[in-house]
PDB file of N, CA and C in Angstrom:
ATOM      1  N   UNK A   1      86.679  96.646  94.191  1.00  0.00           N
ATOM      2  CA  UNK A   1      88.093  96.717  94.531  1.00  0.00           C
ATOM      3  C   UNK A   1      88.235  97.099  96.001  1.00  0.00           C
ATOM      4  N   UNK A   2      89.153  96.482  96.656  1.00  0.00           N
ATOM      5  CA  UNK A   2      89.442  96.752  98.054  1.00  0.00           C
ATOM      6  C   UNK A   2      90.252  98.038  98.148  1.00  0.00           C
ATOM      7  N   UNK A   3      89.835  98.967  98.995  1.00  0.00           N
ATOM      8  CA  UNK A   3      90.526 100.250  99.139  1.00  0.00           C
ATOM      9  C   UNK A   3      91.975 100.033  99.568  1.00  0.00           C
ATOM     10  N   UNK A   4      92.847 100.933  99.168  1.00  0.00           N
ATOM     11  CA  UNK A   4      94.289 100.796  99.402  1.00  0.00           C
ATOM     12  C   UNK A   4      94.630 100.717 100.892  1.00  0.00           C
ATOM     13  N   UNK A   5      93.852 101.384 101.749  1.00  0.00           N
ATOM     14  CA  UNK A   5      94.168 101.346 103.180  1.00  0.00           C
ATOM     15  C   UNK A   5      93.908  99.974 103.794  1.00  0.00           C
ATOM     16  N   UNK A   6      93.160  99.123 103.089  1.00  0.00           N
ATOM     17  CA  UNK A   6      92.884  97.769 103.579  1.00  0.00           C
ATOM     18  C   UNK A   6      93.783  96.719 102.946  1.00  0.00           C
ATOM     19  N   UNK A   7      94.799  97.131 102.177  1.00  0.00           N
ATOM     20  CA  UNK A   7      95.657  96.171 101.472  1.00  0.00           C
ATOM     21  C   UNK A   7      97.058  96.123 102.063  1.00  0.00           C
ATOM     22  N   UNK A   8      97.617  94.927 102.106  1.00  0.00           N
ATOM     23  CA  UNK A   8      99.038  94.761 102.406  1.00  0.00           C
ATOM     24  C   UNK A   8      99.771  94.898 101.080  1.00  0.00           C
ATOM     25  N   UNK A   9     100.722  95.824 101.019  1.00  0.00           N
ATOM     26  CA  UNK A   9     101.395  96.058  99.750  1.00  0.00           C
ATOM     27  C   UNK A   9     102.893  95.815  99.811  1.00  0.00           C
ATOM     28  N   UNK A  10     103.478  95.935 100.983  1.00  0.00           N
ATOM     29  CA  UNK A  10     104.943  95.828 101.091  1.00  0.00           C
ATOM     30  C   UNK A  10     105.362  94.413 101.484  1.00  0.00           C
ATOM     31  N   UNK A  11     106.482  93.992 100.933  1.00  0.00           N
ATOM     32  CA  UNK A  11     107.013  92.659 101.228  1.00  0.00           C
ATOM     33  C   UNK A  11     107.315  92.501 102.710  1.00  0.00           C
ATOM     34  N   UNK A  12     107.773  93.553 103.367  1.00  0.00           N
ATOM     35  CA  UNK A  12     108.111  93.453 104.792  1.00  0.00           C
ATOM     36  C   UNK A  12     106.865  93.191 105.638  1.00  0.00           C
ATOM     37  N   UNK A  13     105.704  93.692 105.196  1.00  0.00           N
ATOM     38  CA  UNK A  13     104.461  93.414 105.918  1.00  0.00           C
ATOM     39  C   UNK A  13     104.068  91.946 105.774  1.00  0.00           C
ATOM     40  N   UNK A  14     104.200  91.404 104.565  1.00  0.00           N
ATOM     41  CA  UNK A  14     103.934  89.989 104.349  1.00  0.00           C
ATOM     42  C   UNK A  14     104.891  89.141 105.189  1.00  0.00           C
ATOM     43  N   UNK A  15     106.169  89.509 105.188  1.00  0.00           N
ATOM     44  CA  UNK A  15     107.175  88.758 105.952  1.00  0.00           C
ATOM     45  C   UNK A  15     106.870  88.786 107.445  1.00  0.00           C
ATOM     46  N   UNK A  16     106.444  89.938 107.951  1.00  0.00           N
ATOM     47  CA  UNK A  16     106.109  90.067 109.367  1.00  0.00           C
ATOM     48  C   UNK A  16     104.958  89.130 109.734  1.00  0.00           C
ATOM     49  N   UNK A  17     103.932  89.101 108.923  1.00  0.00           N
ATOM     50  CA  UNK A  17     102.802  88.204 109.182  1.00  0.00           C
ATOM     51  C   UNK A  17     103.274  86.755 109.114  1.00  0.00           C
ATOM     52  N   UNK A  18     104.090  86.459 108.123  1.00  0.00           N
ATOM     53  CA  UNK A  18     104.561  85.087 107.926  1.00  0.00           C
ATOM     54  C   UNK A  18     105.377  84.601 109.121  1.00  0.00           C
ATOM     55  N   UNK A  19     106.203  85.490 109.696  1.00  0.00           N
ATOM     56  CA  UNK A  19     107.098  85.086 110.780  1.00  0.00           C
ATOM     57  C   UNK A  19     106.432  85.110 112.144  1.00  0.00           C
ATOM     58  N   UNK A  20     105.536  86.058 112.387  1.00  0.00           N
ATOM     59  CA  UNK A  20     105.007  86.235 113.739  1.00  0.00           C
ATOM     60  C   UNK A  20     103.533  85.883 113.871  1.00  0.00           C
ATOM     61  N   UNK A  21     102.881  85.507 112.775  1.00  0.00           N
ATOM     62  CA  UNK A  21     101.439  85.348 112.816  1.00  0.00           C
ATOM     63  C   UNK A  21     100.952  83.995 113.300  1.00  0.00           C
ATOM     64  N   UNK A  22      99.686  83.991 113.727  1.00  0.00           N
ATOM     65  CA  UNK A  22      98.969  82.752 114.029  1.00  0.00           C
ATOM     66  C   UNK A  22      98.302  82.302 112.738  1.00  0.00           C
ATOM     67  N   UNK A  23      97.991  81.009 112.633  1.00  0.00           N
ATOM     68  CA  UNK A  23      97.443  80.538 111.362  1.00  0.00           C
ATOM     69  C   UNK A  23      96.322  79.532 111.554  1.00  0.00           C
ATOM     70  N   UNK A  24      95.541  79.396 110.489  1.00  0.00           N
ATOM     71  CA  UNK A  24      94.482  78.401 110.404  1.00  0.00           C
ATOM     72  C   UNK A  24      94.426  77.945 108.958  1.00  0.00           C
ATOM     73  N   UNK A  25      94.525  76.649 108.733  1.00  0.00           N
ATOM     74  CA  UNK A  25      94.499  76.103 107.376  1.00  0.00           C
ATOM     75  C   UNK A  25      93.360  75.111 107.248  1.00  0.00           C
ATOM     76  N   UNK A  26      92.734  75.084 106.062  1.00  0.00           N
ATOM     77  CA  UNK A  26      91.759  74.049 105.734  1.00  0.00           C
ATOM     78  C   UNK A  26      92.103  73.504 104.355  1.00  0.00           C
ATOM     79  N   UNK A  27      91.183  72.771 103.733  1.00  0.00           N
ATOM     80  CA  UNK A  27      91.523  72.102 102.472  1.00  0.00           C
ATOM     81  C   UNK A  27      91.776  73.056 101.314  1.00  0.00           C
ATOM     82  N   UNK A  28      91.237  74.269 101.361  1.00  0.00           N
ATOM     83  CA  UNK A  28      91.356  75.169 100.214  1.00  0.00           C
ATOM     84  C   UNK A  28      92.074  76.476 100.524  1.00  0.00           C
ATOM     85  N   UNK A  29      92.123  76.872 101.787  1.00  0.00           N
ATOM     86  CA  UNK A  29      92.703  78.170 102.144  1.00  0.00           C
ATOM     87  C   UNK A  29      93.502  78.079 103.433  1.00  0.00           C
ATOM     88  N   UNK A  30      94.488  78.948 103.535  1.00  0.00           N
ATOM     89  CA  UNK A  30      95.201  79.153 104.777  1.00  0.00           C
ATOM     90  C   UNK A  30      95.125  80.624 105.125  1.00  0.00           C
ATOM     91  N   UNK A  31      94.970  80.924 106.407  1.00  0.00           N
ATOM     92  CA  UNK A  31      94.889  82.313 106.842  1.00  0.00           C
ATOM     93  C   UNK A  31      95.914  82.510 107.942  1.00  0.00           C
ATOM     94  N   UNK A  32      96.758  83.520 107.794  1.00  0.00           N
ATOM     95  CA  UNK A  32      97.732  83.884 108.815  1.00  0.00           C
ATOM     96  C   UNK A  32      97.428  85.309 109.249  1.00  0.00           C
ATOM     97  N   UNK A  33      97.423  85.561 110.564  1.00  0.00           N
ATOM     98  CA  UNK A  33      97.141  86.906 111.070  1.00  0.00           C
ATOM     99  C   UNK A  33      98.228  87.343 112.040  1.00  0.00           C
ATOM    100  N   UNK A  34      98.410  88.645 112.095  1.00  0.00           N
ATOM    101  CA  UNK A  34      99.361  89.242 113.016  1.00  0.00           C
ATOM    102  C   UNK A  34      98.831  90.616 113.392  1.00  0.00           C
ATOM    103  N   UNK A  35      99.021  91.012 114.635  1.00  0.00           N
ATOM    104  CA  UNK A  35      98.570  92.336 115.068  1.00  0.00           C
ATOM    105  C   UNK A  35      99.378  93.423 114.370  1.00  0.00           C
ATOM    106  N   UNK A  36      98.703  94.540 114.072  1.00  0.00           N
ATOM    107  CA  UNK A  36      99.405  95.731 113.615  1.00  0.00           C
ATOM    108  C   UNK A  36      99.021  96.889 114.525  1.00  0.00           C
ATOM    109  N   UNK A  37      99.625  98.032 114.355  1.00  0.00           N
ATOM    110  CA  UNK A  37      99.359  99.171 115.218  1.00  0.00           C
ATOM    111  C   UNK A  37      98.489 100.207 114.519  1.00  0.00           C
ATOM    112  N   UNK A  38      97.641  99.739 113.615  1.00  0.00           N
ATOM    113  CA  UNK A  38      96.787 100.630 112.845  1.00  0.00           C
ATOM    114  C   UNK A  38      95.334 100.509 113.297  1.00  0.00           C
ATOM    115  N   UNK A  39      94.511 101.434 112.839  1.00  0.00           N
ATOM    116  CA  UNK A  39      93.094 101.433 113.196  1.00  0.00           C
ATOM    117  C   UNK A  39      92.264 100.557 112.263  1.00  0.00           C
ATOM    118  N   UNK A  40      92.904  99.991 111.245  1.00  0.00           N
ATOM    119  CA  UNK A  40      92.191  99.127 110.294  1.00  0.00           C
ATOM    120  C   UNK A  40      92.938  97.809 110.143  1.00  0.00           C
ATOM    121  N   UNK A  41      92.221  96.813 109.665  1.00  0.00           N
ATOM    122  CA  UNK A  41      92.861  95.547 109.317  1.00  0.00           C
ATOM    123  C   UNK A  41      93.237  95.600 107.847  1.00  0.00           C
ATOM    124  N   UNK A  42      94.401  95.012 107.520  1.00  0.00           N
ATOM    125  CA  UNK A  42      94.871  95.001 106.128  1.00  0.00           C
ATOM    126  C   UNK A  42      94.971  93.554 105.665  1.00  0.00           C
ATOM    127  N   UNK A  43      94.767  93.355 104.356  1.00  0.00           N
ATOM    128  CA  UNK A  43      94.687  92.014 103.799  1.00  0.00           C
ATOM    129  C   UNK A  43      95.611  91.862 102.605  1.00  0.00           C
ATOM    130  N   UNK A  44      96.218  90.685 102.509  1.00  0.00           N
ATOM    131  CA  UNK A  44      97.037  90.326 101.363  1.00  0.00           C
ATOM    132  C   UNK A  44      96.641  88.933 100.910  1.00  0.00           C
ATOM    133  N   UNK A  45      96.833  88.664  99.635  1.00  0.00           N
ATOM    134  CA  UNK A  45      96.416  87.390  99.059  1.00  0.00           C
ATOM    135  C   UNK A  45      97.576  86.769  98.306  1.00  0.00           C
ATOM    136  N   UNK A  46      97.783  85.475  98.502  1.00  0.00           N
ATOM    137  CA  UNK A  46      98.829  84.751  97.798  1.00  0.00           C
ATOM    138  C   UNK A  46      98.173  83.639  96.989  1.00  0.00           C
ATOM    139  N   UNK A  47      98.275  83.759  95.665  1.00  0.00           N
ATOM    140  CA  UNK A  47      97.768  82.732  94.756  1.00  0.00           C
ATOM    141  C   UNK A  47      98.925  82.408  93.818  1.00  0.00           C
ATOM    142  N   UNK A  48      99.610  81.314  94.080  1.00  0.00           N
ATOM    143  CA  UNK A  48     100.818  80.996  93.315  1.00  0.00           C
ATOM    144  C   UNK A  48     100.488  80.319  91.997  1.00  0.00           C
ATOM    145  N   UNK A  49     101.484  80.214  91.153  1.00  0.00           N
ATOM    146  CA  UNK A  49     101.328  79.548  89.862  1.00  0.00           C
ATOM    147  C   UNK A  49     101.111  78.048  90.033  1.00  0.00           C
ATOM    148  N   UNK A  50     101.389  77.502  91.216  1.00  0.00           N
ATOM    149  CA  UNK A  50     101.109  76.090  91.474  1.00  0.00           C
ATOM    150  C   UNK A  50      99.614  75.827  91.547  1.00  0.00           C
ATOM    151  N   UNK A  51      98.848  76.851  91.878  1.00  0.00           N
ATOM    152  CA  UNK A  51      97.396  76.725  91.954  1.00  0.00           C
ATOM    153  C   UNK A  51      96.822  76.522  90.555  1.00  0.00           C
ATOM    154  N   UNK A  52      97.243  77.377  89.623  1.00  0.00           N
ATOM    155  CA  UNK A  52      96.827  77.264  88.230  1.00  0.00           C
ATOM    156  C   UNK A  52      97.882  77.947  87.376  1.00  0.00           C
ATOM    157  N   UNK A  53      98.183  77.361  86.263  1.00  0.00           N
ATOM    158  CA  UNK A  53      99.166  77.971  85.369  1.00  0.00           C
ATOM    159  C   UNK A  53      98.576  79.172  84.637  1.00  0.00           C
ATOM    160  N   UNK A  54      97.250  79.244  84.595  1.00  0.00           N
ATOM    161  CA  UNK A  54      96.581  80.331  83.878  1.00  0.00           C
ATOM    162  C   UNK A  54      96.410  81.548  84.780  1.00  0.00           C
ATOM    163  N   UNK A  55      96.905  82.685  84.338  1.00  0.00           N
ATOM    164  CA  UNK A  55      96.770  83.927  85.095  1.00  0.00           C
ATOM    165  C   UNK A  55      95.301  84.307  85.251  1.00  0.00           C
ATOM    166  N   UNK A  56      94.497  83.965  84.271  1.00  0.00           N
ATOM    167  CA  UNK A  56      93.066  84.270  84.327  1.00  0.00           C
ATOM    168  C   UNK A  56      92.440  83.606  85.554  1.00  0.00           C
ATOM    169  N   UNK A  57      92.764  82.354  85.791  1.00  0.00           N
ATOM    170  CA  UNK A  57      92.220  81.630  86.942  1.00  0.00           C
ATOM    171  C   UNK A  57      92.728  82.215  88.257  1.00  0.00           C
ATOM    172  N   UNK A  58      94.019  82.520  88.314  1.00  0.00           N
ATOM    173  CA  UNK A  58      94.589  83.093  89.543  1.00  0.00           C
ATOM    174  C   UNK A  58      93.966  84.446  89.851  1.00  0.00           C
ATOM    175  N   UNK A  59      93.783  85.269  88.836  1.00  0.00           N
ATOM    176  CA  UNK A  59      93.179  86.582  89.042  1.00  0.00           C
ATOM    177  C   UNK A  59      91.725  86.471  89.471  1.00  0.00           C
ATOM    178  N   UNK A  60      91.005  85.499  88.920  1.00  0.00           N
ATOM    179  CA  UNK A  60      89.614  85.294  89.311  1.00  0.00           C
ATOM    180  C   UNK A  60      89.523  84.901  90.788  1.00  0.00           C
ATOM    181  N   UNK A  61      90.423  84.051  91.234  1.00  0.00           N
ATOM    182  CA  UNK A  61      90.449  83.652  92.641  1.00  0.00           C
ATOM    183  C   UNK A  61      90.726  84.860  93.519  1.00  0.00           C
ATOM    184  N   UNK A  62      91.694  85.689  93.130  1.00  0.00           N
ATOM    185  CA  UNK A  62      92.008  86.890  93.913  1.00  0.00           C
ATOM    186  C   UNK A  62      90.826  87.852  93.962  1.00  0.00           C
ATOM    187  N   UNK A  63      90.121  88.020  92.842  1.00  0.00           N
ATOM    188  CA  UNK A  63      88.951  88.900  92.820  1.00  0.00           C
ATOM    189  C   UNK A  63      87.866  88.386  93.764  1.00  0.00           C
ATOM    190  N   UNK A  64      87.663  87.081  93.767  1.00  0.00           N
ATOM    191  CA  UNK A  64      86.660  86.505  94.665  1.00  0.00           C
ATOM    192  C   UNK A  64      87.042  86.716  96.122  1.00  0.00           C
ATOM    193  N   UNK A  65      88.308  86.495  96.448  1.00  0.00           N
ATOM    194  CA  UNK A  65      88.763  86.689  97.825  1.00  0.00           C
ATOM    195  C   UNK A  65      88.630  88.149  98.252  1.00  0.00           C
ATOM    196  N   UNK A  66      89.006  89.066  97.377  1.00  0.00           N
ATOM    197  CA  UNK A  66      88.868  90.495  97.694  1.00  0.00           C
ATOM    198  C   UNK A  66      87.411  90.866  97.938  1.00  0.00           C
ATOM    199  N   UNK A  67      86.511  90.313  97.135  1.00  0.00           N
ATOM    200  CA  UNK A  67      85.088  90.622  97.291  1.00  0.00           C
ATOM    201  C   UNK A  67      84.547  90.070  98.611  1.00  0.00           C
ATOM    202  N   UNK A  68      84.990  88.885  98.999  1.00  0.00           N
ATOM    203  CA  UNK A  68      84.576  88.323 100.288  1.00  0.00           C
ATOM    204  C   UNK A  68      85.000  89.257 101.410  1.00  0.00           C
ATOM    205  N   UNK A  69      86.240  89.723 101.368  1.00  0.00           N
ATOM    206  CA  UNK A  69      86.745  90.616 102.412  1.00  0.00           C
ATOM    207  C   UNK A  69      85.988  91.936 102.388  1.00  0.00           C
ATOM    208  N   UNK A  70      85.774  92.478 101.211  1.00  0.00           N
ATOM    209  CA  UNK A  70      85.059  93.759 101.090  1.00  0.00           C
ATOM    210  C   UNK A  70      83.652  93.654 101.672  1.00  0.00           C
ATOM    211  N   UNK A  71      82.958  92.546 101.397  1.00  0.00           N
ATOM    212  CA  UNK A  71      81.607  92.346 101.915  1.00  0.00           C
ATOM    213  C   UNK A  71      81.598  92.130 103.430  1.00  0.00           C
ATOM    214  N   UNK A  72      82.668  91.597 103.987  1.00  0.00           N
ATOM    215  CA  UNK A  72      82.717  91.246 105.405  1.00  0.00           C
ATOM    216  C   UNK A  72      83.504  92.242 106.245  1.00  0.00           C
ATOM    217  N   UNK A  73      83.962  93.321 105.662  1.00  0.00           N
ATOM    218  CA  UNK A  73      84.858  94.253 106.355  1.00  0.00           C
ATOM    219  C   UNK A  73      84.268  94.802 107.644  1.00  0.00           C
ATOM    220  N   UNK A  74      82.971  95.067 107.661  1.00  0.00           N
ATOM    221  CA  UNK A  74      82.346  95.634 108.857  1.00  0.00           C
ATOM    222  C   UNK A  74      82.313  94.640 110.014  1.00  0.00           C
ATOM    223  N   UNK A  75      82.428  93.342 109.715  1.00  0.00           N
ATOM    224  CA  UNK A  75      82.385  92.303 110.745  1.00  0.00           C
ATOM    225  C   UNK A  75      83.769  91.879 111.229  1.00  0.00           C
ATOM    226  N   UNK A  76      84.830  92.408 110.635  1.00  0.00           N
ATOM    227  CA  UNK A  76      86.194  91.997 110.977  1.00  0.00           C
ATOM    228  C   UNK A  76      86.804  93.010 111.942  1.00  0.00           C
ATOM    229  N   UNK A  77      87.418  92.496 112.996  1.00  0.00           N
ATOM    230  CA  UNK A  77      88.049  93.371 113.994  1.00  0.00           C
ATOM    231  C   UNK A  77      89.184  94.170 113.366  1.00  0.00           C
ATOM    232  N   UNK A  78      89.332  95.435 113.756  1.00  0.00           N
ATOM    233  CA  UNK A  78      90.447  96.241 113.247  1.00  0.00           C
ATOM    234  C   UNK A  78      91.750  95.921 113.983  1.00  0.00           C
ATOM    235  N   UNK A  79      92.873  96.304 113.359  1.00  0.00           N
ATOM    236  CA  UNK A  79      94.163  96.169 114.018  1.00  0.00           C
ATOM    237  C   UNK A  79      94.929  94.907 113.703  1.00  0.00           C
ATOM    238  N   UNK A  80      94.622  94.262 112.585  1.00  0.00           N
ATOM    239  CA  UNK A  80      95.312  93.030 112.212  1.00  0.00           C
ATOM    240  C   UNK A  80      95.786  93.095 110.763  1.00  0.00           C
ATOM    241  N   UNK A  81      96.897  92.419 110.501  1.00  0.00           N
ATOM    242  CA  UNK A  81      97.340  92.157 109.138  1.00  0.00           C
ATOM    243  C   UNK A  81      96.990  90.706 108.855  1.00  0.00           C
ATOM    244  N   UNK A  82      96.342  90.464 107.719  1.00  0.00           N
ATOM    245  CA  UNK A  82      95.854  89.131 107.380  1.00  0.00           C
ATOM    246  C   UNK A  82      96.389  88.742 106.003  1.00  0.00           C
ATOM    247  N   UNK A  83      96.956  87.550 105.902  1.00  0.00           N
ATOM    248  CA  UNK A  83      97.387  87.022 104.610  1.00  0.00           C
ATOM    249  C   UNK A  83      96.596  85.744 104.357  1.00  0.00           C
ATOM    250  N   UNK A  84      95.957  85.690 103.190  1.00  0.00           N
ATOM    251  CA  UNK A  84      95.191  84.511 102.806  1.00  0.00           C
ATOM    252  C   UNK A  84      95.974  83.776 101.724  1.00  0.00           C
ATOM    253  N   UNK A  85      96.303  82.519 102.015  1.00  0.00           N
ATOM    254  CA  UNK A  85      97.099  81.693 101.113  1.00  0.00           C
ATOM    255  C   UNK A  85      96.174  80.638 100.513  1.00  0.00           C
ATOM    256  N   UNK A  86      96.200  80.506  99.213  1.00  0.00           N
ATOM    257  CA  UNK A  86      95.309  79.543  98.573  1.00  0.00           C
ATOM    258  C   UNK A  86      95.989  78.191  98.398  1.00  0.00           C
ATOM    259  N   UNK A  87      95.167  77.149  98.390  1.00  0.00           N
ATOM    260  CA  UNK A  87      95.613  75.789  98.132  1.00  0.00           C
ATOM    261  C   UNK A  87      94.998  75.345  96.806  1.00  0.00           C
ATOM    262  N   UNK A  88      95.431  74.244  96.293  1.00  0.00           N
ATOM    263  CA  UNK A  88      94.986  73.744  94.991  1.00  0.00           C
ATOM    264  C   UNK A  88      93.465  73.560  94.909  1.00  0.00           C
ATOM    265  N   UNK A  89      92.825  73.169  96.005  1.00  0.00           N
ATOM    266  CA  UNK A  89      91.390  72.866  96.001  1.00  0.00           C
ATOM    267  C   UNK A  89      90.510  74.092  95.772  1.00  0.00           C
ATOM    268  N   UNK A  90      91.052  75.291  95.903  1.00  0.00           N
ATOM    269  CA  UNK A  90      90.234  76.500  95.759  1.00  0.00           C
ATOM    270  C   UNK A  90      89.794  76.723  94.312  1.00  0.00           C
ATOM    271  N   UNK A  91      90.481  76.130  93.353  1.00  0.00           N
ATOM    272  CA  UNK A  91      90.163  76.323  91.936  1.00  0.00           C
ATOM    273  C   UNK A  91      88.744  75.860  91.615  1.00  0.00           C
ATOM    274  N   UNK A  92      88.295  74.797  92.237  1.00  0.00           N
ATOM    275  CA  UNK A  92      86.981  74.226  91.939  1.00  0.00           C
ATOM    276  C   UNK A  92      85.856  74.817  92.772  1.00  0.00           C
ATOM    277  N   UNK A  93      86.142  75.782  93.622  1.00  0.00           N
ATOM    278  CA  UNK A  93      85.136  76.329  94.529  1.00  0.00           C
ATOM    279  C   UNK A  93      84.405  77.508  93.897  1.00  0.00           C
ATOM    280  N   UNK A  94      83.137  77.605  94.225  1.00  0.00           N
ATOM    281  CA  UNK A  94      82.324  78.751  93.826  1.00  0.00           C
ATOM    282  C   UNK A  94      82.495  79.861  94.865  1.00  0.00           C
ATOM    283  N   UNK A  95      81.973  81.042  94.536  1.00  0.00           N
ATOM    284  CA  UNK A  95      82.123  82.205  95.413  1.00  0.00           C
ATOM    285  C   UNK A  95      81.561  81.920  96.808  1.00  0.00           C
ATOM    286  N   UNK A  96      80.384  81.351  96.894  1.00  0.00           N
ATOM    287  CA  UNK A  96      79.752  81.108  98.201  1.00  0.00           C
ATOM    288  C   UNK A  96      80.586  80.149  99.046  1.00  0.00           C
ATOM    289  N   UNK A  97      81.157  79.128  98.424  1.00  0.00           N
ATOM    290  CA  UNK A  97      81.997  78.182  99.160  1.00  0.00           C
ATOM    291  C   UNK A  97      83.259  78.869  99.670  1.00  0.00           C
ATOM    292  N   UNK A  98      83.858  79.714  98.836  1.00  0.00           N
ATOM    293  CA  UNK A  98      85.051  80.451  99.254  1.00  0.00           C
ATOM    294  C   UNK A  98      84.712  81.377 100.417  1.00  0.00           C
ATOM    295  N   UNK A  99      83.570  82.047 100.312  1.00  0.00           N
ATOM    296  CA  UNK A  99      83.145  82.956 101.384  1.00  0.00           C
ATOM    297  C   UNK A  99      82.982  82.198 102.694  1.00  0.00           C
ATOM    298  N   UNK A 100      82.330  81.039 102.647  1.00  0.00           N
ATOM    299  CA  UNK A 100      82.142  80.238 103.856  1.00  0.00           C
ATOM    300  C   UNK A 100      83.477  79.808 104.458  1.00  0.00           C
ATOM    301  N   UNK A 101      84.422  79.397 103.610  1.00  0.00           N
ATOM    302  CA  UNK A 101      85.737  78.964 104.099  1.00  0.00           C
ATOM    303  C   UNK A 101      86.508  80.117 104.743  1.00  0.00           C
ATOM    304  N   UNK A 102      86.462  81.291 104.115  1.00  0.00           N
ATOM    305  CA  UNK A 102      87.170  82.450 104.665  1.00  0.00           C
ATOM    306  C   UNK A 102      86.564  82.855 106.001  1.00  0.00           C
ATOM    307  N   UNK A 103      85.252  82.959 106.064  1.00  0.00           N
ATOM    308  CA  UNK A 103      84.601  83.376 107.309  1.00  0.00           C
ATOM    309  C   UNK A 103      84.795  82.347 108.419  1.00  0.00           C
ATOM    310  N   UNK A 104      84.797  81.076 108.079  1.00  0.00           N
ATOM    311  CA  UNK A 104      85.048  80.042 109.078  1.00  0.00           C
ATOM    312  C   UNK A 104      86.470  80.160 109.628  1.00  0.00           C
ATOM    313  N   UNK A 105      87.442  80.390 108.729  1.00  0.00           N
ATOM    314  CA  UNK A 105      88.828  80.554 109.164  1.00  0.00           C
ATOM    315  C   UNK A 105      89.026  81.785 110.023  1.00  0.00           C
ATOM    316  N   UNK A 106      88.400  82.903 109.628  1.00  0.00           N
ATOM    317  CA  UNK A 106      88.509  84.130 110.417  1.00  0.00           C
ATOM    318  C   UNK A 106      87.854  83.960 111.780  1.00  0.00           C
ATOM    319  N   UNK A 107      86.764  83.236 111.822  1.00  0.00           N
ATOM    320  CA  UNK A 107      86.082  83.023 113.092  1.00  0.00           C
ATOM    321  C   UNK A 107      86.912  82.132 114.024  1.00  0.00           C
ATOM    322  N   UNK A 108      87.598  81.128 113.482  1.00  0.00           N
ATOM    323  CA  UNK A 108      88.459  80.276 114.300  1.00  0.00           C
ATOM    324  C   UNK A 108      89.636  81.050 114.872  1.00  0.00           C
ATOM    325  N   UNK A 109      90.077  82.063 114.138  1.00  0.00           N
ATOM    326  CA  UNK A 109      91.167  82.906 114.619  1.00  0.00           C
ATOM    327  C   UNK A 109      90.662  84.061 115.478  1.00  0.00           C
ATOM    328  N   UNK A 110      89.348  84.060 115.751  1.00  0.00           N
ATOM    329  CA  UNK A 110      88.699  85.074 116.600  1.00  0.00           C
ATOM    330  C   UNK A 110      88.884  86.480 116.034  1.00  0.00           C
ATOM    331  N   UNK A 111      88.733  86.595 114.722  1.00  0.00           N
ATOM    332  CA  UNK A 111      88.902  87.877 114.059  1.00  0.00           C
ATOM    333  C   UNK A 111      87.572  88.530 113.714  1.00  0.00           C
ATOM    334  N   UNK A 112      86.475  87.800 113.892  1.00  0.00           N
ATOM    335  CA  UNK A 112      85.156  88.375 113.607  1.00  0.00           C
ATOM    336  C   UNK A 112      84.586  88.985 114.886  1.00  0.00           C
ATOM    337  N   UNK A 113      83.861  90.087 114.724  1.00  0.00           N
ATOM    338  CA  UNK A 113      83.248  90.762 115.887  1.00  0.00           C
ATOM    339  C   UNK A 113      82.113  89.935 116.443  1.00  0.00           C
TER     340      UNK A 113
END
């Protein structure tokens, strides 16, 4: 589980990232980032019912994304709010493929150390 200090929890934080953030999208994921004034980076995940009607599948995708972030936290620059938006193609991806897509997107946004 991702520690609470690394999570985006409030709607206003999501809205701020959505309105002011830079983005990078690929076939399975979209990543939007925005600077914050904190010493840590915070992450939020959006997996809509359009991705899968089954909550089990949506929750599994969120768990995989959280684990990717947790494993990569030491390599991610502090001071950013990050929202990861899933696309339909993420349902068929394995953990390693999701990890590669997330790290590639973060690297394109210059968020990796």
